[in-house]
Amino acid sequence: MITIDDFMKLNLVVATIKQVEEHPNAERLYLLTVDLGEEERTLVAGIKEYYRPEELIGKQLVMVENLEPATIRGVESRGMILAAKDGDNLAIVTMDRYIAPGSSVS
């Protein structure tokens, strides 16, 4: 269990996927360039077996913005997308209507 204060430390924001590239050092990872309104970031995401690049471009998703950067297979990832997994099925958490990139999720 975590406290509400712990949960409030997470900065969940809306991001729009601008570009999808294959990770140069990993078969199952994508490099996502996302728009946060005032900046763009690169995220490393293990969603390649579930989505084709053309399905992702333009999607708005929910990401953890204030996660400490991590180097994954040689590439720095500056955030984490939210997704749900049920057995062999995975779905990223997306917006059902347009929300400005960088908007807070609460």
N, C-alpha and C. Protein backbone atom coordinates (compact mmCIF):
# COMPACT_ATOMS: atom_id res chain seq x y z
N MET A 1 0.83 -1.18 0.00
CA MET A 1 0.00 0.00 0.00
C MET A 1 0.88 1.25 0.00
N ILE A 2 0.42 2.27 -0.73
CA ILE A 2 1.10 3.56 -0.70
C ILE A 2 0.11 4.60 -0.19
N THR A 3 0.65 5.68 0.28
CA THR A 3 -0.21 6.76 0.77
C THR A 3 -0.62 7.66 -0.38
N ILE A 4 -1.62 8.48 -0.15
CA ILE A 4 -2.03 9.46 -1.16
C ILE A 4 -0.88 10.41 -1.44
N ASP A 5 -0.06 10.71 -0.44
CA ASP A 5 1.09 11.58 -0.65
C ASP A 5 2.08 10.95 -1.62
N ASP A 6 2.28 9.62 -1.52
CA ASP A 6 3.15 8.93 -2.47
C ASP A 6 2.58 9.01 -3.88
N PHE A 7 1.28 8.76 -4.01
CA PHE A 7 0.64 8.82 -5.33
C PHE A 7 0.74 10.22 -5.92
N MET A 8 0.60 11.23 -5.12
CA MET A 8 0.63 12.62 -5.60
C MET A 8 2.01 13.02 -6.12
N LYS A 9 3.02 12.24 -5.82
CA LYS A 9 4.36 12.52 -6.34
C LYS A 9 4.46 12.23 -7.84
N LEU A 10 3.56 11.38 -8.36
CA LEU A 10 3.56 11.07 -9.78
C LEU A 10 3.00 12.24 -10.57
N ASN A 11 3.69 12.61 -11.63
CA ASN A 11 3.19 13.64 -12.53
C ASN A 11 2.75 12.94 -13.81
N LEU A 12 1.45 12.64 -13.90
CA LEU A 12 0.88 11.98 -15.07
C LEU A 12 0.41 13.06 -16.03
N VAL A 13 0.86 12.97 -17.29
CA VAL A 13 0.51 13.98 -18.28
C VAL A 13 0.12 13.32 -19.60
N VAL A 14 -0.54 14.12 -20.44
CA VAL A 14 -0.90 13.70 -21.79
C VAL A 14 0.29 13.97 -22.71
N ALA A 15 0.62 13.00 -23.54
CA ALA A 15 1.68 13.14 -24.54
C ALA A 15 1.15 12.67 -25.88
N THR A 16 1.57 13.33 -26.95
CA THR A 16 1.19 12.93 -28.30
C THR A 16 2.40 12.30 -28.98
N ILE A 17 2.21 11.11 -29.55
CA ILE A 17 3.30 10.42 -30.23
C ILE A 17 3.54 11.08 -31.58
N LYS A 18 4.76 11.58 -31.77
CA LYS A 18 5.14 12.25 -33.01
C LYS A 18 5.92 11.34 -33.95
N GLN A 19 6.73 10.44 -33.38
CA GLN A 19 7.60 9.60 -34.21
C GLN A 19 7.80 8.27 -33.50
N VAL A 20 7.91 7.20 -34.29
CA VAL A 20 8.18 5.85 -33.77
C VAL A 20 9.34 5.27 -34.57
N GLU A 21 10.37 4.84 -33.85
CA GLU A 21 11.53 4.23 -34.49
C GLU A 21 11.82 2.90 -33.80
N GLU A 22 12.45 2.00 -34.53
CA GLU A 22 12.89 0.76 -33.92
C GLU A 22 14.13 1.04 -33.07
N HIS A 23 14.21 0.39 -31.93
CA HIS A 23 15.38 0.54 -31.06
C HIS A 23 16.56 -0.13 -31.76
N PRO A 24 17.71 0.53 -31.83
CA PRO A 24 18.85 -0.05 -32.55
C PRO A 24 19.46 -1.28 -31.88
N ASN A 25 19.18 -1.48 -30.59
CA ASN A 25 19.82 -2.57 -29.85
C ASN A 25 18.83 -3.54 -29.22
N ALA A 26 17.57 -3.51 -29.65
CA ALA A 26 16.58 -4.39 -29.03
C ALA A 26 15.45 -4.69 -30.02
N GLU A 27 15.10 -5.94 -30.14
CA GLU A 27 14.08 -6.36 -31.10
C GLU A 27 12.66 -6.01 -30.68
N ARG A 28 12.39 -5.90 -29.40
CA ARG A 28 11.01 -5.71 -28.92
C ARG A 28 10.69 -4.29 -28.48
N LEU A 29 11.64 -3.38 -28.67
CA LEU A 29 11.45 -2.02 -28.17
C LEU A 29 11.31 -1.01 -29.29
N TYR A 30 10.50 0.01 -29.02
CA TYR A 30 10.40 1.18 -29.88
C TYR A 30 11.01 2.38 -29.17
N LEU A 31 11.46 3.33 -29.96
CA LEU A 31 11.82 4.66 -29.46
C LEU A 31 10.67 5.56 -29.89
N LEU A 32 9.98 6.13 -28.91
CA LEU A 32 8.86 7.02 -29.17
C LEU A 32 9.31 8.45 -28.92
N THR A 33 9.09 9.32 -29.89
CA THR A 33 9.28 10.75 -29.66
C THR A 33 7.90 11.30 -29.35
N VAL A 34 7.77 11.88 -28.16
CA VAL A 34 6.46 12.39 -27.73
C VAL A 34 6.51 13.89 -27.51
N ASP A 35 5.39 14.53 -27.80
CA ASP A 35 5.21 15.97 -27.62
C ASP A 35 4.51 16.19 -26.29
N LEU A 36 5.15 17.00 -25.43
CA LEU A 36 4.57 17.36 -24.14
C LEU A 36 4.12 18.82 -24.12
N GLY A 37 3.94 19.41 -25.26
CA GLY A 37 3.50 20.79 -25.33
C GLY A 37 4.66 21.75 -25.38
N GLU A 38 5.45 21.80 -24.34
CA GLU A 38 6.58 22.72 -24.29
C GLU A 38 7.91 22.04 -24.59
N GLU A 39 7.90 20.72 -24.74
CA GLU A 39 9.12 19.99 -25.07
C GLU A 39 8.77 18.65 -25.71
N GLU A 40 9.76 18.07 -26.37
CA GLU A 40 9.64 16.71 -26.88
C GLU A 40 10.61 15.83 -26.12
N ARG A 41 10.25 14.58 -25.95
CA ARG A 41 11.10 13.62 -25.24
C ARG A 41 11.13 12.31 -26.00
N THR A 42 12.16 11.53 -25.71
CA THR A 42 12.26 10.16 -26.22
C THR A 42 11.95 9.21 -25.08
N LEU A 43 11.06 8.26 -25.37
CA LEU A 43 10.73 7.20 -24.43
C LEU A 43 11.07 5.87 -25.08
N VAL A 44 11.59 4.94 -24.30
CA VAL A 44 11.80 3.57 -24.78
C VAL A 44 10.61 2.77 -24.27
N ALA A 45 9.91 2.10 -25.19
CA ALA A 45 8.69 1.38 -24.82
C ALA A 45 8.69 -0.03 -25.39
N GLY A 46 8.37 -0.99 -24.56
CA GLY A 46 8.32 -2.39 -24.96
C GLY A 46 6.95 -2.78 -25.51
N ILE A 47 6.53 -2.11 -26.57
CA ILE A 47 5.21 -2.34 -27.14
C ILE A 47 5.25 -2.80 -28.59
N LYS A 48 6.42 -3.10 -29.09
CA LYS A 48 6.59 -3.41 -30.51
C LYS A 48 5.77 -4.62 -30.97
N GLU A 49 5.64 -5.64 -30.13
CA GLU A 49 4.89 -6.82 -30.56
C GLU A 49 3.38 -6.58 -30.54
N TYR A 50 2.93 -5.44 -30.05
CA TYR A 50 1.50 -5.15 -29.95
C TYR A 50 1.02 -4.06 -30.92
N TYR A 51 1.92 -3.20 -31.38
CA TYR A 51 1.54 -2.07 -32.22
C TYR A 51 2.50 -1.91 -33.39
N ARG A 52 1.97 -1.54 -34.54
CA ARG A 52 2.78 -1.13 -35.69
C ARG A 52 3.01 0.37 -35.57
N PRO A 53 4.11 0.88 -36.08
CA PRO A 53 4.40 2.32 -35.97
C PRO A 53 3.25 3.21 -36.45
N GLU A 54 2.64 2.84 -37.58
CA GLU A 54 1.57 3.68 -38.13
C GLU A 54 0.33 3.72 -37.24
N GLU A 55 0.16 2.75 -36.36
CA GLU A 55 -0.96 2.77 -35.41
C GLU A 55 -0.72 3.75 -34.27
N LEU A 56 0.53 4.08 -34.04
CA LEU A 56 0.89 4.89 -32.87
C LEU A 56 1.01 6.39 -33.18
N ILE A 57 1.43 6.73 -34.38
CA ILE A 57 1.64 8.14 -34.73
C ILE A 57 0.35 8.92 -34.51
N GLY A 58 0.45 10.01 -33.75
CA GLY A 58 -0.71 10.86 -33.48
C GLY A 58 -1.52 10.47 -32.27
N LYS A 59 -1.31 9.25 -31.74
CA LYS A 59 -2.06 8.85 -30.54
C LYS A 59 -1.67 9.71 -29.36
N GLN A 60 -2.66 9.99 -28.53
CA GLN A 60 -2.41 10.68 -27.28
C GLN A 60 -2.46 9.65 -26.17
N LEU A 61 -1.43 9.63 -25.35
CA LEU A 61 -1.34 8.65 -24.29
C LEU A 61 -1.06 9.31 -22.96
N VAL A 62 -1.11 8.51 -21.92
CA VAL A 62 -0.79 8.97 -20.57
C VAL A 62 0.61 8.48 -20.24
N MET A 63 1.43 9.39 -19.73
CA MET A 63 2.79 9.00 -19.35
C MET A 63 3.15 9.56 -17.98
N VAL A 64 4.11 8.90 -17.34
CA VAL A 64 4.70 9.42 -16.10
C VAL A 64 5.83 10.35 -16.54
N GLU A 65 5.64 11.64 -16.28
CA GLU A 65 6.57 12.66 -16.77
C GLU A 65 7.78 12.84 -15.86
N ASN A 66 7.61 12.63 -14.56
CA ASN A 66 8.69 12.94 -13.62
C ASN A 66 9.45 11.71 -13.14
N LEU A 67 9.45 10.65 -13.94
CA LEU A 67 10.24 9.47 -13.62
C LEU A 67 11.70 9.77 -13.92
N GLU A 68 12.57 9.33 -13.05
CA GLU A 68 14.00 9.53 -13.28
C GLU A 68 14.41 8.88 -14.60
N PRO A 69 15.17 9.57 -15.44
CA PRO A 69 15.59 8.98 -16.72
C PRO A 69 16.34 7.66 -16.50
N ALA A 70 16.15 6.74 -17.45
CA ALA A 70 16.82 5.44 -17.39
C ALA A 70 17.40 5.13 -18.76
N THR A 71 18.59 4.55 -18.77
CA THR A 71 19.19 4.13 -20.03
C THR A 71 18.82 2.68 -20.27
N ILE A 72 18.10 2.44 -21.38
CA ILE A 72 17.61 1.11 -21.70
C ILE A 72 18.25 0.65 -23.00
N ARG A 73 19.11 -0.34 -22.88
CA ARG A 73 19.85 -0.87 -24.04
C ARG A 73 20.56 0.24 -24.80
N GLY A 74 21.16 1.16 -24.04
CA GLY A 74 21.99 2.21 -24.64
C GLY A 74 21.28 3.49 -25.02
N VAL A 75 19.96 3.58 -24.80
CA VAL A 75 19.21 4.78 -25.15
C VAL A 75 18.51 5.31 -23.90
N GLU A 76 18.65 6.63 -23.67
CA GLU A 76 18.01 7.24 -22.51
C GLU A 76 16.51 7.39 -22.74
N SER A 77 15.73 6.92 -21.77
CA SER A 77 14.28 7.05 -21.78
C SER A 77 13.89 8.05 -20.71
N ARG A 78 13.10 9.07 -21.09
CA ARG A 78 12.75 10.16 -20.17
C ARG A 78 11.27 10.16 -19.84
N GLY A 79 10.79 9.04 -19.32
CA GLY A 79 9.39 8.90 -18.94
C GLY A 79 8.94 7.47 -19.18
N MET A 80 7.67 7.21 -18.84
CA MET A 80 7.12 5.87 -19.02
C MET A 80 5.66 5.99 -19.41
N ILE A 81 5.25 5.24 -20.44
CA ILE A 81 3.85 5.26 -20.82
C ILE A 81 3.07 4.31 -19.92
N LEU A 82 1.78 4.56 -19.78
CA LEU A 82 0.92 3.66 -19.01
C LEU A 82 0.23 2.71 -19.98
N ALA A 83 0.17 1.44 -19.59
CA ALA A 83 -0.47 0.42 -20.41
C ALA A 83 -1.08 -0.63 -19.49
N ALA A 84 -2.04 -1.36 -20.02
CA ALA A 84 -2.66 -2.47 -19.30
C ALA A 84 -2.36 -3.75 -20.07
N LYS A 85 -2.12 -4.83 -19.32
CA LYS A 85 -1.82 -6.11 -19.97
C LYS A 85 -2.72 -7.18 -19.37
N ASP A 86 -3.26 -8.00 -20.28
CA ASP A 86 -4.13 -9.11 -19.91
C ASP A 86 -3.69 -10.31 -20.72
N GLY A 87 -2.88 -11.16 -20.13
CA GLY A 87 -2.36 -12.30 -20.87
C GLY A 87 -1.46 -11.83 -22.01
N ASP A 88 -1.84 -12.18 -23.24
CA ASP A 88 -1.05 -11.79 -24.42
C ASP A 88 -1.53 -10.48 -25.03
N ASN A 89 -2.45 -9.80 -24.41
CA ASN A 89 -3.01 -8.56 -24.94
C ASN A 89 -2.50 -7.37 -24.13
N LEU A 90 -2.08 -6.32 -24.84
CA LEU A 90 -1.60 -5.10 -24.19
C LEU A 90 -2.26 -3.91 -24.86
N ALA A 91 -2.67 -2.93 -24.06
CA ALA A 91 -3.26 -1.70 -24.59
C ALA A 91 -2.68 -0.51 -23.86
N ILE A 92 -2.23 0.48 -24.62
CA ILE A 92 -1.74 1.70 -23.98
C ILE A 92 -2.94 2.54 -23.54
N VAL A 93 -2.74 3.31 -22.47
CA VAL A 93 -3.80 4.18 -21.96
C VAL A 93 -3.81 5.44 -22.82
N THR A 94 -4.93 5.65 -23.53
CA THR A 94 -5.04 6.76 -24.47
C THR A 94 -6.21 7.67 -24.11
N MET A 95 -6.23 8.84 -24.74
CA MET A 95 -7.32 9.79 -24.58
C MET A 95 -8.42 9.47 -25.58
N ASP A 96 -9.68 9.65 -25.20
CA ASP A 96 -10.78 9.39 -26.14
C ASP A 96 -11.22 10.66 -26.88
N ARG A 97 -10.58 11.80 -26.57
CA ARG A 97 -10.77 13.05 -27.31
C ARG A 97 -9.50 13.87 -27.15
N TYR A 98 -9.36 14.89 -27.98
CA TYR A 98 -8.12 15.68 -27.96
C TYR A 98 -7.98 16.42 -26.64
N ILE A 99 -6.79 16.31 -26.08
CA ILE A 99 -6.39 17.06 -24.89
C ILE A 99 -5.02 17.63 -25.20
N ALA A 100 -4.78 18.88 -24.88
CA ALA A 100 -3.50 19.52 -25.19
C ALA A 100 -2.33 18.75 -24.58
N PRO A 101 -1.29 18.47 -25.37
CA PRO A 101 -0.11 17.79 -24.83
C PRO A 101 0.45 18.54 -23.63
N GLY A 102 0.86 17.79 -22.63
CA GLY A 102 1.37 18.38 -21.40
C GLY A 102 0.32 18.58 -20.33
N SER A 103 -0.95 18.40 -20.69
CA SER A 103 -2.03 18.55 -19.70
C SER A 103 -1.90 17.52 -18.60
N SER A 104 -2.22 17.92 -17.41
CA SER A 104 -2.15 17.04 -16.24
C SER A 104 -3.28 16.02 -16.26
N VAL A 105 -2.98 14.79 -15.85
CA VAL A 105 -3.96 13.75 -15.71
C VAL A 105 -4.23 13.57 -14.22
N SER A 106 -5.50 13.65 -13.84
CA SER A 106 -5.82 13.51 -12.41
C SER A 106 -6.97 12.55 -12.21
